[in-house]
C-alpha cells in the first residue's frame, strides 16, 4: 500500500451526494417536529 502525497490528498472529493441527502433529511425532520408541535392532530381511532 502506498501513502498519498499532499497534492494527491487535495484532489480527493467525496460525500457530496450523501451530505446533501443528510442535510435534506434533517431539514424535513425538523419541519415535521415543528409542524407536530404547532398544530397537533388527533388520531382517528
Protein backbone atom coordinates (compact mmCIF):
# COMPACT_ATOMS: atom_id res chain seq x y z
CA UNK A 1 0.00 0.00 0.00
CA UNK A 2 1.36 3.42 -0.97
CA UNK A 3 0.99 6.59 1.06
CA UNK A 4 -0.65 9.50 -0.74
CA UNK A 5 1.25 12.73 -1.11
CA UNK A 6 -0.19 16.10 -0.08
CA UNK A 7 -1.23 17.07 -3.67
CA UNK A 8 -2.91 13.69 -4.13
CA UNK A 9 -4.83 14.13 -0.88
CA UNK A 10 -6.06 17.54 -2.00
CA UNK A 11 -7.55 16.04 -5.18
CA UNK A 12 -9.83 13.62 -3.31
CA UNK A 13 -13.51 14.58 -3.41
CA UNK A 14 -16.32 12.60 -1.88
CA UNK A 15 -19.52 12.63 0.06
CA UNK A 16 -21.26 15.36 -1.89
CA UNK A 17 -24.49 13.47 -2.55
CA UNK A 18 -24.55 11.80 0.87
CA UNK A 19 -24.04 15.08 2.70
CA UNK A 20 -26.77 16.73 0.64
CA UNK A 21 -29.22 13.92 1.41
CA UNK A 22 -28.36 14.05 5.10
CA UNK A 23 -28.93 17.81 5.28
CA UNK A 24 -32.21 17.46 3.35
CA UNK A 25 -33.43 14.70 5.67
CA UNK A 26 -32.53 16.80 8.71
CA UNK A 27 -34.47 19.78 7.39
CA UNK A 28 -37.53 17.63 6.66
CA UNK A 29 -37.35 16.10 10.15
CA UNK A 30 -37.11 19.49 11.87
CA UNK A 31 -40.05 20.81 9.82
CA UNK A 32 -42.07 17.76 10.86
CA UNK A 33 -41.27 18.27 14.53
CA UNK A 34 -42.22 21.96 14.36
CA UNK A 35 -45.42 21.15 12.45
CA UNK A 36 -46.39 18.50 15.01
CA UNK A 37 -45.79 20.90 17.87
CA UNK A 38 -47.62 23.87 16.32
CA UNK A 39 -50.71 22.00 15.10
CA UNK A 40 -51.03 18.57 16.71
CA UNK A 41 -53.55 16.28 15.03
CA UNK A 42 -55.60 13.75 16.96
CA UNK A 43 -55.62 10.08 16.00
CA UNK A 44 -58.72 8.82 14.19
CA UNK A 45 -59.17 5.71 16.36
